[in-house]
Amino acid sequence: MAGAAQNRGINISIMGRDFSVACPPEEQEDLLEAAQFLDKNMKEIQKTGKIIGAERCAIMAALNITNDLLKLQKSTAGQDKVQARLSSLQERIDEVLRDAESS
């Protein structure tokens, strides 16, 4: 497992608790950004006063983030369909123009 030997421990803080997480050096910046994003979301949930406990805040934050991700994926899938349709229309236009030029 050569890849595991290259992993380095990185310290992150979420809701005032420190964690050491191993990850490849090239992913450390993304991991820190993800930890900050999660920390911010959990603190926002905690501020509402409706959710008590770090575990429940973590679950709600995970649900909110997952919901946002799924919406984004659906939006991207819709964009892919539009792009495919536009490409198909462009091909048909090109075909009609070629036929018009040859006649």
PDB file of N, CA and C in Angstrom:
ATOM      1  N   MET A   1       0.825  -1.192   0.000  1.00  0.00           N
ATOM      2  CA  MET A   1       0.000   0.000   0.000  1.00  0.00           C
ATOM      3  C   MET A   1       0.862   1.246   0.000  1.00  0.00           C
ATOM      4  N   ALA A   2       1.428   1.560  -1.117  1.00  0.00           N
ATOM      5  CA  ALA A   2       2.303   2.721  -1.211  1.00  0.00           C
ATOM      6  C   ALA A   2       1.512   4.006  -1.044  1.00  0.00           C
ATOM      7  N   GLY A   3       0.257   4.034  -1.537  1.00  0.00           N
ATOM      8  CA  GLY A   3      -0.562   5.235  -1.438  1.00  0.00           C
ATOM      9  C   GLY A   3      -0.865   5.621  -0.009  1.00  0.00           C
ATOM     10  N   ALA A   4      -1.083   4.625   0.843  1.00  0.00           N
ATOM     11  CA  ALA A   4      -1.399   4.913   2.241  1.00  0.00           C
ATOM     12  C   ALA A   4      -0.210   5.529   2.956  1.00  0.00           C
ATOM     13  N   ALA A   5       1.008   5.147   2.562  1.00  0.00           N
ATOM     14  CA  ALA A   5       2.204   5.694   3.196  1.00  0.00           C
ATOM     15  C   ALA A   5       2.378   7.171   2.869  1.00  0.00           C
ATOM     16  N   GLN A   6       1.816   7.610   1.761  1.00  0.00           N
ATOM     17  CA  GLN A   6       1.944   9.002   1.351  1.00  0.00           C
ATOM     18  C   GLN A   6       0.929   9.903   2.040  1.00  0.00           C
ATOM     19  N   ASN A   7      -0.084   9.317   2.640  1.00  0.00           N
ATOM     20  CA  ASN A   7      -1.085  10.118   3.338  1.00  0.00           C
ATOM     21  C   ASN A   7      -0.446  10.812   4.529  1.00  0.00           C
ATOM     22  N   ARG A   8      -0.896  12.022   4.755  1.00  0.00           N
ATOM     23  CA  ARG A   8      -0.398  12.797   5.890  1.00  0.00           C
ATOM     24  C   ARG A   8      -1.578  13.200   6.760  1.00  0.00           C
ATOM     25  N   GLY A   9      -1.308  13.292   8.053  1.00  0.00           N
ATOM     26  CA  GLY A   9      -2.345  13.731   8.975  1.00  0.00           C
ATOM     27  C   GLY A   9      -2.539  15.234   8.876  1.00  0.00           C
ATOM     28  N   ILE A  10      -3.779  15.642   8.865  1.00  0.00           N
ATOM     29  CA  ILE A  10      -4.106  17.065   8.839  1.00  0.00           C
ATOM     30  C   ILE A  10      -5.127  17.310   9.943  1.00  0.00           C
ATOM     31  N   ASN A  11      -4.971  18.394  10.649  1.00  0.00           N
ATOM     32  CA  ASN A  11      -5.876  18.720  11.749  1.00  0.00           C
ATOM     33  C   ASN A  11      -6.989  19.627  11.252  1.00  0.00           C
ATOM     34  N   ILE A  12      -8.210  19.246  11.574  1.00  0.00           N
ATOM     35  CA  ILE A  12      -9.374  20.063  11.235  1.00  0.00           C
ATOM     36  C   ILE A  12     -10.169  20.300  12.511  1.00  0.00           C
ATOM     37  N   SER A  13     -10.952  21.365  12.508  1.00  0.00           N
ATOM     38  CA  SER A  13     -11.782  21.691  13.662  1.00  0.00           C
ATOM     39  C   SER A  13     -13.223  21.861  13.197  1.00  0.00           C
ATOM     40  N   ILE A  14     -14.107  21.123  13.835  1.00  0.00           N
ATOM     41  CA  ILE A  14     -15.532  21.202  13.517  1.00  0.00           C
ATOM     42  C   ILE A  14     -16.293  21.343  14.826  1.00  0.00           C
ATOM     43  N   MET A  15     -17.051  22.400  14.929  1.00  0.00           N
ATOM     44  CA  MET A  15     -17.853  22.684  16.123  1.00  0.00           C
ATOM     45  C   MET A  15     -16.986  22.683  17.383  1.00  0.00           C
ATOM     46  N   GLY A  16     -15.790  23.242  17.269  1.00  0.00           N
ATOM     47  CA  GLY A  16     -14.909  23.349  18.420  1.00  0.00           C
ATOM     48  C   GLY A  16     -14.185  22.070  18.791  1.00  0.00           C
ATOM     49  N   ARG A  17     -14.381  21.025  18.023  1.00  0.00           N
ATOM     50  CA  ARG A  17     -13.688  19.760  18.284  1.00  0.00           C
ATOM     51  C   ARG A  17     -12.624  19.553  17.219  1.00  0.00           C
ATOM     52  N   ASP A  18     -11.454  19.132  17.658  1.00  0.00           N
ATOM     53  CA  ASP A  18     -10.340  18.914  16.740  1.00  0.00           C
ATOM     54  C   ASP A  18     -10.276  17.450  16.327  1.00  0.00           C
ATOM     55  N   PHE A  19      -9.986  17.254  15.046  1.00  0.00           N
ATOM     56  CA  PHE A  19      -9.867  15.914  14.486  1.00  0.00           C
ATOM     57  C   PHE A  19      -8.599  15.854  13.653  1.00  0.00           C
ATOM     58  N   SER A  20      -7.948  14.709  13.647  1.00  0.00           N
ATOM     59  CA  SER A  20      -6.805  14.475  12.781  1.00  0.00           C
ATOM     60  C   SER A  20      -7.254  13.495  11.705  1.00  0.00           C
ATOM     61  N   VAL A  21      -7.102  13.904  10.454  1.00  0.00           N
ATOM     62  CA  VAL A  21      -7.572  13.102   9.333  1.00  0.00           C
ATOM     63  C   VAL A  21      -6.409  12.880   8.380  1.00  0.00           C
ATOM     64  N   ALA A  22      -6.239  11.654   7.931  1.00  0.00           N
ATOM     65  CA  ALA A  22      -5.179  11.347   6.969  1.00  0.00           C
ATOM     66  C   ALA A  22      -5.710  11.514   5.555  1.00  0.00           C
ATOM     67  N   CYS A  23      -4.921  12.176   4.727  1.00  0.00           N
ATOM     68  CA  CYS A  23      -5.292  12.318   3.325  1.00  0.00           C
ATOM     69  C   CYS A  23      -4.032  12.603   2.513  1.00  0.00           C
ATOM     70  N   PRO A  24      -4.095  12.365   1.199  1.00  0.00           N
ATOM     71  CA  PRO A  24      -2.951  12.664   0.344  1.00  0.00           C
ATOM     72  C   PRO A  24      -2.670  14.168   0.353  1.00  0.00           C
ATOM     73  N   PRO A  25      -1.408  14.555   0.224  1.00  0.00           N
ATOM     74  CA  PRO A  25      -1.053  15.982   0.255  1.00  0.00           C
ATOM     75  C   PRO A  25      -1.827  16.826  -0.762  1.00  0.00           C
ATOM     76  N   GLU A  26      -2.091  16.260  -1.934  1.00  0.00           N
ATOM     77  CA  GLU A  26      -2.782  17.037  -2.975  1.00  0.00           C
ATOM     78  C   GLU A  26      -4.260  17.266  -2.657  1.00  0.00           C
ATOM     79  N   GLU A  27      -4.787  16.595  -1.651  1.00  0.00           N
ATOM     80  CA  GLU A  27      -6.193  16.765  -1.274  1.00  0.00           C
ATOM     81  C   GLU A  27      -6.370  17.562   0.014  1.00  0.00           C
ATOM     82  N   GLN A  28      -5.281  17.980   0.630  1.00  0.00           N
ATOM     83  CA  GLN A  28      -5.371  18.660   1.922  1.00  0.00           C
ATOM     84  C   GLN A  28      -6.147  19.965   1.843  1.00  0.00           C
ATOM     85  N   GLU A  29      -5.904  20.747   0.817  1.00  0.00           N
ATOM     86  CA  GLU A  29      -6.602  22.030   0.684  1.00  0.00           C
ATOM     87  C   GLU A  29      -8.107  21.818   0.542  1.00  0.00           C
ATOM     88  N   ASP A  30      -8.495  20.830  -0.267  1.00  0.00           N
ATOM     89  CA  ASP A  30      -9.918  20.529  -0.439  1.00  0.00           C
ATOM     90  C   ASP A  30     -10.538  20.027   0.861  1.00  0.00           C
ATOM     91  N   LEU A  31      -9.789  19.212   1.602  1.00  0.00           N
ATOM     92  CA  LEU A  31     -10.288  18.707   2.880  1.00  0.00           C
ATOM     93  C   LEU A  31     -10.509  19.845   3.871  1.00  0.00           C
ATOM     94  N   LEU A  32      -9.565  20.780   3.934  1.00  0.00           N
ATOM     95  CA  LEU A  32      -9.723  21.936   4.825  1.00  0.00           C
ATOM     96  C   LEU A  32     -10.942  22.759   4.436  1.00  0.00           C
ATOM     97  N   GLU A  33     -11.126  22.957   3.139  1.00  0.00           N
ATOM     98  CA  GLU A  33     -12.283  23.721   2.655  1.00  0.00           C
ATOM     99  C   GLU A  33     -13.587  22.997   3.002  1.00  0.00           C
ATOM    100  N   ALA A  34     -13.604  21.683   2.839  1.00  0.00           N
ATOM    101  CA  ALA A  34     -14.797  20.898   3.173  1.00  0.00           C
ATOM    102  C   ALA A  34     -15.091  20.975   4.668  1.00  0.00           C
ATOM    103  N   ALA A  35     -14.047  20.893   5.483  1.00  0.00           N
ATOM    104  CA  ALA A  35     -14.230  20.972   6.939  1.00  0.00           C
ATOM    105  C   ALA A  35     -14.778  22.337   7.344  1.00  0.00           C
ATOM    106  N   GLN A  36     -14.267  23.394   6.736  1.00  0.00           N
ATOM    107  CA  GLN A  36     -14.760  24.744   7.041  1.00  0.00           C
ATOM    108  C   GLN A  36     -16.214  24.897   6.610  1.00  0.00           C
ATOM    109  N   PHE A  37     -16.547  24.337   5.455  1.00  0.00           N
ATOM    110  CA  PHE A  37     -17.917  24.393   4.951  1.00  0.00           C
ATOM    111  C   PHE A  37     -18.864  23.656   5.899  1.00  0.00           C
ATOM    112  N   LEU A  38     -18.463  22.462   6.322  1.00  0.00           N
ATOM    113  CA  LEU A  38     -19.276  21.678   7.248  1.00  0.00           C
ATOM    114  C   LEU A  38     -19.418  22.392   8.586  1.00  0.00           C
ATOM    115  N   ASP A  39     -18.320  22.932   9.093  1.00  0.00           N
ATOM    116  CA  ASP A  39     -18.342  23.652  10.365  1.00  0.00           C
ATOM    117  C   ASP A  39     -19.318  24.826  10.300  1.00  0.00           C
ATOM    118  N   LYS A  40     -19.261  25.572   9.218  1.00  0.00           N
ATOM    119  CA  LYS A  40     -20.156  26.723   9.040  1.00  0.00           C
ATOM    120  C   LYS A  40     -21.616  26.265   9.015  1.00  0.00           C
ATOM    121  N   ASN A  41     -21.896  25.208   8.264  1.00  0.00           N
ATOM    122  CA  ASN A  41     -23.264  24.701   8.179  1.00  0.00           C
ATOM    123  C   ASN A  41     -23.769  24.212   9.526  1.00  0.00           C
ATOM    124  N   MET A  42     -22.942  23.491  10.238  1.00  0.00           N
ATOM    125  CA  MET A  42     -23.360  22.979  11.542  1.00  0.00           C
ATOM    126  C   MET A  42     -23.604  24.112  12.529  1.00  0.00           C
ATOM    127  N   LYS A  43     -22.764  25.130  12.506  1.00  0.00           N
ATOM    128  CA  LYS A  43     -22.954  26.268  13.410  1.00  0.00           C
ATOM    129  C   LYS A  43     -24.227  27.035  13.077  1.00  0.00           C
ATOM    130  N   GLU A  44     -24.543  27.161  11.788  1.00  0.00           N
ATOM    131  CA  GLU A  44     -25.783  27.828  11.391  1.00  0.00           C
ATOM    132  C   GLU A  44     -26.996  27.048  11.894  1.00  0.00           C
ATOM    133  N   ILE A  45     -26.934  25.738  11.795  1.00  0.00           N
ATOM    134  CA  ILE A  45     -28.032  24.899  12.284  1.00  0.00           C
ATOM    135  C   ILE A  45     -28.154  25.024  13.796  1.00  0.00           C
ATOM    136  N   GLN A  46     -27.027  25.028  14.475  1.00  0.00           N
ATOM    137  CA  GLN A  46     -27.026  25.138  15.935  1.00  0.00           C
ATOM    138  C   GLN A  46     -27.606  26.480  16.383  1.00  0.00           C
ATOM    139  N   LYS A  47     -27.316  27.547  15.633  1.00  0.00           N
ATOM    140  CA  LYS A  47     -27.803  28.887  15.996  1.00  0.00           C
ATOM    141  C   LYS A  47     -29.322  28.986  15.961  1.00  0.00           C
ATOM    142  N   THR A  48     -29.970  28.159  15.152  1.00  0.00           N
ATOM    143  CA  THR A  48     -31.431  28.227  15.089  1.00  0.00           C
ATOM    144  C   THR A  48     -32.057  27.817  16.411  1.00  0.00           C
ATOM    145  N   GLY A  49     -31.322  27.023  17.189  1.00  0.00           N
ATOM    146  CA  GLY A  49     -31.837  26.569  18.475  1.00  0.00           C
ATOM    147  C   GLY A  49     -32.823  25.422  18.368  1.00  0.00           C
ATOM    148  N   LYS A  50     -33.131  24.999  17.142  1.00  0.00           N
ATOM    149  CA  LYS A  50     -34.096  23.921  16.948  1.00  0.00           C
ATOM    150  C   LYS A  50     -33.452  22.544  17.072  1.00  0.00           C
ATOM    151  N   ILE A  51     -32.147  22.480  16.842  1.00  0.00           N
ATOM    152  CA  ILE A  51     -31.426  21.212  16.887  1.00  0.00           C
ATOM    153  C   ILE A  51     -30.412  21.274  18.021  1.00  0.00           C
ATOM    154  N   ILE A  52     -30.452  20.286  18.889  1.00  0.00           N
ATOM    155  CA  ILE A  52     -29.531  20.251  20.028  1.00  0.00           C
ATOM    156  C   ILE A  52     -28.592  19.061  19.868  1.00  0.00           C
ATOM    157  N   GLY A  53     -27.316  19.316  20.066  1.00  0.00           N
ATOM    158  CA  GLY A  53     -26.317  18.250  20.009  1.00  0.00           C
ATOM    159  C   GLY A  53     -25.556  18.252  18.702  1.00  0.00           C
ATOM    160  N   ALA A  54     -24.257  18.027  18.815  1.00  0.00           N
ATOM    161  CA  ALA A  54     -23.389  18.036  17.637  1.00  0.00           C
ATOM    162  C   ALA A  54     -23.765  16.935  16.651  1.00  0.00           C
ATOM    163  N   GLU A  55     -24.149  15.777  17.174  1.00  0.00           N
ATOM    164  CA  GLU A  55     -24.497  14.663  16.287  1.00  0.00           C
ATOM    165  C   GLU A  55     -25.714  15.006  15.433  1.00  0.00           C
ATOM    166  N   ARG A  56     -26.729  15.574  16.051  1.00  0.00           N
ATOM    167  CA  ARG A  56     -27.934  15.954  15.297  1.00  0.00           C
ATOM    168  C   ARG A  56     -27.634  17.083  14.314  1.00  0.00           C
ATOM    169  N   CYS A  57     -26.800  18.026  14.728  1.00  0.00           N
ATOM    170  CA  CYS A  57     -26.391  19.102  13.814  1.00  0.00           C
ATOM    171  C   CYS A  57     -25.648  18.522  12.618  1.00  0.00           C
ATOM    172  N   ALA A  58     -24.795  17.530  12.873  1.00  0.00           N
ATOM    173  CA  ALA A  58     -24.038  16.896  11.790  1.00  0.00           C
ATOM    174  C   ALA A  58     -24.973  16.188  10.816  1.00  0.00           C
ATOM    175  N   ILE A  59     -25.972  15.508  11.353  1.00  0.00           N
ATOM    176  CA  ILE A  59     -26.929  14.805  10.493  1.00  0.00           C
ATOM    177  C   ILE A  59     -27.721  15.798   9.655  1.00  0.00           C
ATOM    178  N   MET A  60     -28.197  16.878  10.272  1.00  0.00           N
ATOM    179  CA  MET A  60     -28.958  17.884   9.528  1.00  0.00           C
ATOM    180  C   MET A  60     -28.086  18.557   8.470  1.00  0.00           C
ATOM    181  N   ALA A  61     -26.835  18.866   8.831  1.00  0.00           N
ATOM    182  CA  ALA A  61     -25.918  19.474   7.864  1.00  0.00           C
ATOM    183  C   ALA A  61     -25.671  18.518   6.705  1.00  0.00           C
ATOM    184  N   ALA A  62     -25.480  17.233   7.016  1.00  0.00           N
ATOM    185  CA  ALA A  62     -25.260  16.234   5.963  1.00  0.00           C
ATOM    186  C   ALA A  62     -26.473  16.142   5.043  1.00  0.00           C
ATOM    187  N   LEU A  63     -27.661  16.165   5.620  1.00  0.00           N
ATOM    188  CA  LEU A  63     -28.880  16.124   4.804  1.00  0.00           C
ATOM    189  C   LEU A  63     -28.998  17.360   3.917  1.00  0.00           C
ATOM    190  N   ASN A  64     -28.732  18.538   4.481  1.00  0.00           N
ATOM    191  CA  ASN A  64     -28.806  19.773   3.700  1.00  0.00           C
ATOM    192  C   ASN A  64     -27.790  19.781   2.564  1.00  0.00           C
ATOM    193  N   ILE A  65     -26.560  19.386   2.870  1.00  0.00           N
ATOM    194  CA  ILE A  65     -25.504  19.378   1.857  1.00  0.00           C
ATOM    195  C   ILE A  65     -25.813  18.349   0.772  1.00  0.00           C
ATOM    196  N   THR A  66     -26.301  17.172   1.178  1.00  0.00           N
ATOM    197  CA  THR A  66     -26.657  16.134   0.209  1.00  0.00           C
ATOM    198  C   THR A  66     -27.805  16.588  -0.672  1.00  0.00           C
ATOM    199  N   ASN A  67     -28.789  17.252  -0.085  1.00  0.00           N
ATOM    200  CA  ASN A  67     -29.911  17.776  -0.858  1.00  0.00           C
ATOM    201  C   ASN A  67     -29.421  18.779  -1.901  1.00  0.00           C
ATOM    202  N   ASP A  68     -28.541  19.680  -1.494  1.00  0.00           N
ATOM    203  CA  ASP A  68     -27.982  20.654  -2.437  1.00  0.00           C
ATOM    204  C   ASP A  68     -27.211  19.953  -3.555  1.00  0.00           C
ATOM    205  N   LEU A  69     -26.441  18.930  -3.201  1.00  0.00           N
ATOM    206  CA  LEU A  69     -25.673  18.179  -4.194  1.00  0.00           C
ATOM    207  C   LEU A  69     -26.592  17.495  -5.196  1.00  0.00           C
ATOM    208  N   LEU A  70     -27.653  16.864  -4.708  1.00  0.00           N
ATOM    209  CA  LEU A  70     -28.587  16.178  -5.602  1.00  0.00           C
ATOM    210  C   LEU A  70     -29.281  17.158  -6.542  1.00  0.00           C
ATOM    211  N   LYS A  71     -29.651  18.325  -6.029  1.00  0.00           N
ATOM    212  CA  LYS A  71     -30.257  19.350  -6.882  1.00  0.00           C
ATOM    213  C   LYS A  71     -29.282  19.785  -7.969  1.00  0.00           C
ATOM    214  N   LEU A  72     -28.033  19.969  -7.589  1.00  0.00           N
ATOM    215  CA  LEU A  72     -27.004  20.372  -8.547  1.00  0.00           C
ATOM    216  C   LEU A  72     -26.794  19.297  -9.604  1.00  0.00           C
ATOM    217  N   GLN A  73     -26.768  18.032  -9.185  1.00  0.00           N
ATOM    218  CA  GLN A  73     -26.592  16.938 -10.137  1.00  0.00           C
ATOM    219  C   GLN A  73     -27.760  16.873 -11.116  1.00  0.00           C
ATOM    220  N   LYS A  74     -28.981  17.065 -10.624  1.00  0.00           N
ATOM    221  CA  LYS A  74     -30.147  17.057 -11.503  1.00  0.00           C
ATOM    222  C   LYS A  74     -30.081  18.218 -12.480  1.00  0.00           C
ATOM    223  N   SER A  75     -29.663  19.375 -12.001  1.00  0.00           N
ATOM    224  CA  SER A  75     -29.529  20.548 -12.858  1.00  0.00           C
ATOM    225  C   SER A  75     -28.490  20.302 -13.941  1.00  0.00           C
ATOM    226  N   THR A  76     -27.379  19.705 -13.550  1.00  0.00           N
ATOM    227  CA  THR A  76     -26.316  19.408 -14.504  1.00  0.00           C
ATOM    228  C   THR A  76     -26.793  18.392 -15.530  1.00  0.00           C
ATOM    229  N   ALA A  77     -27.558  17.396 -15.082  1.00  0.00           N
ATOM    230  CA  ALA A  77     -28.091  16.396 -16.005  1.00  0.00           C
ATOM    231  C   ALA A  77     -29.012  17.065 -17.014  1.00  0.00           C
ATOM    232  N   GLY A  78     -29.813  18.021 -16.551  1.00  0.00           N
ATOM    233  CA  GLY A  78     -30.692  18.765 -17.448  1.00  0.00           C
ATOM    234  C   GLY A  78     -29.904  19.572 -18.458  1.00  0.00           C
ATOM    235  N   GLN A  79     -28.811  20.162 -18.013  1.00  0.00           N
ATOM    236  CA  GLN A  79     -27.952  20.922 -18.914  1.00  0.00           C
ATOM    237  C   GLN A  79     -27.316  20.008 -19.950  1.00  0.00           C
ATOM    238  N   ASP A  80     -26.943  18.804 -19.539  1.00  0.00           N
ATOM    239  CA  ASP A  80     -26.362  17.838 -20.471  1.00  0.00           C
ATOM    240  C   ASP A  80     -27.367  17.466 -21.554  1.00  0.00           C
ATOM    241  N   LYS A  81     -28.638  17.306 -21.166  1.00  0.00           N
ATOM    242  CA  LYS A  81     -29.679  16.982 -22.143  1.00  0.00           C
ATOM    243  C   LYS A  81     -29.869  18.129 -23.129  1.00  0.00           C
ATOM    244  N   VAL A  82     -29.869  19.352 -22.625  1.00  0.00           N
ATOM    245  CA  VAL A  82     -30.010  20.523 -23.494  1.00  0.00           C
ATOM    246  C   VAL A  82     -28.830  20.599 -24.451  1.00  0.00           C
ATOM    247  N   GLN A  83     -27.625  20.369 -23.939  1.00  0.00           N
ATOM    248  CA  GLN A  83     -26.431  20.411 -24.780  1.00  0.00           C
ATOM    249  C   GLN A  83     -26.492  19.337 -25.868  1.00  0.00           C
ATOM    250  N   ALA A  84     -26.945  18.149 -25.514  1.00  0.00           N
ATOM    251  CA  ALA A  84     -27.071  17.069 -26.495  1.00  0.00           C
ATOM    252  C   ALA A  84     -28.093  17.441 -27.562  1.00  0.00           C
ATOM    253  N   ARG A  85     -29.188  18.041 -27.144  1.00  0.00           N
ATOM    254  CA  ARG A  85     -30.229  18.459 -28.100  1.00  0.00           C
ATOM    255  C   ARG A  85     -29.700  19.547 -29.020  1.00  0.00           C
ATOM    256  N   LEU A  86     -28.965  20.511 -28.465  1.00  0.00           N
ATOM    257  CA  LEU A  86     -28.378  21.571 -29.286  1.00  0.00           C
ATOM    258  C   LEU A  86     -27.384  21.004 -30.292  1.00  0.00           C
ATOM    259  N   SER A  87     -26.593  20.045 -29.872  1.00  0.00           N
ATOM    260  CA  SER A  87     -25.631  19.410 -30.781  1.00  0.00           C
ATOM    261  C   SER A  87     -26.356  18.698 -31.909  1.00  0.00           C
ATOM    262  N   SER A  88     -27.439  18.018 -31.570  1.00  0.00           N
ATOM    263  CA  SER A  88     -28.235  17.322 -32.578  1.00  0.00           C
ATOM    264  C   SER A  88     -28.828  18.308 -33.579  1.00  0.00           C
ATOM    265  N   LEU A  89     -29.356  19.414 -33.067  1.00  0.00           N
ATOM    266  CA  LEU A  89     -29.915  20.435 -33.956  1.00  0.00           C
ATOM    267  C   LEU A  89     -28.836  21.054 -34.838  1.00  0.00           C
ATOM    268  N   GLN A  90     -27.654  21.281 -34.268  1.00  0.00           N
ATOM    269  CA  GLN A  90     -26.552  21.844 -35.046  1.00  0.00           C
ATOM    270  C   GLN A  90     -26.161  20.902 -36.183  1.00  0.00           C
ATOM    271  N   GLU A  91     -26.140  19.603 -35.912  1.00  0.00           N
ATOM    272  CA  GLU A  91     -25.824  18.620 -36.946  1.00  0.00           C
ATOM    273  C   GLU A  91     -26.868  18.645 -38.051  1.00  0.00           C
ATOM    274  N   ARG A  92     -28.135  18.760 -37.679  1.00  0.00           N
ATOM    275  CA  ARG A  92     -29.199  18.813 -38.684  1.00  0.00           C
ATOM    276  C   ARG A  92     -29.087  20.078 -39.521  1.00  0.00           C
ATOM    277  N   ILE A  93     -28.782  21.205 -38.883  1.00  0.00           N
ATOM    278  CA  ILE A  93     -28.611  22.466 -39.614  1.00  0.00           C
ATOM    279  C   ILE A  93     -27.454  22.343 -40.594  1.00  0.00           C
ATOM    280  N   ASP A  94     -26.339  21.790 -40.133  1.00  0.00           N
ATOM    281  CA  ASP A  94     -25.181  21.609 -41.009  1.00  0.00           C
ATOM    282  C   ASP A  94     -25.521  20.717 -42.195  1.00  0.00           C
ATOM    283  N   GLU A  95     -26.291  19.669 -41.949  1.00  0.00           N
ATOM    284  CA  GLU A  95     -26.692  18.751 -43.016  1.00  0.00           C
ATOM    285  C   GLU A  95     -27.566  19.461 -44.048  1.00  0.00           C
ATOM    286  N   VAL A  96     -28.523  20.235 -43.576  1.00  0.00           N
ATOM    287  CA  VAL A  96     -29.405  20.979 -44.483  1.00  0.00           C
ATOM    288  C   VAL A  96     -28.598  21.982 -45.299  1.00  0.00           C
ATOM    289  N   LEU A  97     -27.661  22.676 -44.664  1.00  0.00           N
ATOM    290  CA  LEU A  97     -26.830  23.643 -45.384  1.00  0.00           C
ATOM    291  C   LEU A  97     -25.959  22.958 -46.431  1.00  0.00           C
ATOM    292  N   ARG A  98     -25.412  21.790 -46.103  1.00  0.00           N
ATOM    293  CA  ARG A  98     -24.604  21.050 -47.085  1.00  0.00           C
ATOM    294  C   ARG A  98     -25.459  20.635 -48.272  1.00  0.00           C
ATOM    295  N   ASP A  99     -26.678  20.155 -47.986  1.00  0.00           N
ATOM    296  CA  ASP A  99     -27.584  19.750 -49.059  1.00  0.00           C
ATOM    297  C   ASP A  99     -27.951  20.947 -49.930  1.00  0.00           C
ATOM    298  N   ALA A 100     -28.172  22.103 -49.309  1.00  0.00           N
ATOM    299  CA  ALA A 100     -28.541  23.307 -50.057  1.00  0.00           C
ATOM    300  C   ALA A 100     -27.386  23.771 -50.933  1.00  0.00           C
ATOM    301  N   GLU A 101     -26.167  23.660 -50.442  1.00  0.00           N
ATOM    302  CA  GLU A 101     -24.996  24.079 -51.212  1.00  0.00           C
ATOM    303  C   GLU A 101     -24.736  23.148 -52.391  1.00  0.00           C
ATOM    304  N   SER A 102     -25.042  21.871 -52.233  1.00  0.00           N
ATOM    305  CA  SER A 102     -24.752  20.910 -53.295  1.00  0.00           C
ATOM    306  C   SER A 102     -25.831  20.902 -54.373  1.00  0.00           C
ATOM    307  N   SER A 103     -26.974  21.513 -54.118  1.00  0.00           N
ATOM    308  CA  SER A 103     -28.021  21.500 -55.143  1.00  0.00           C
ATOM    309  C   SER A 103     -28.090  22.773 -55.922  1.00  0.00           C
TER     310      SER A 103
END
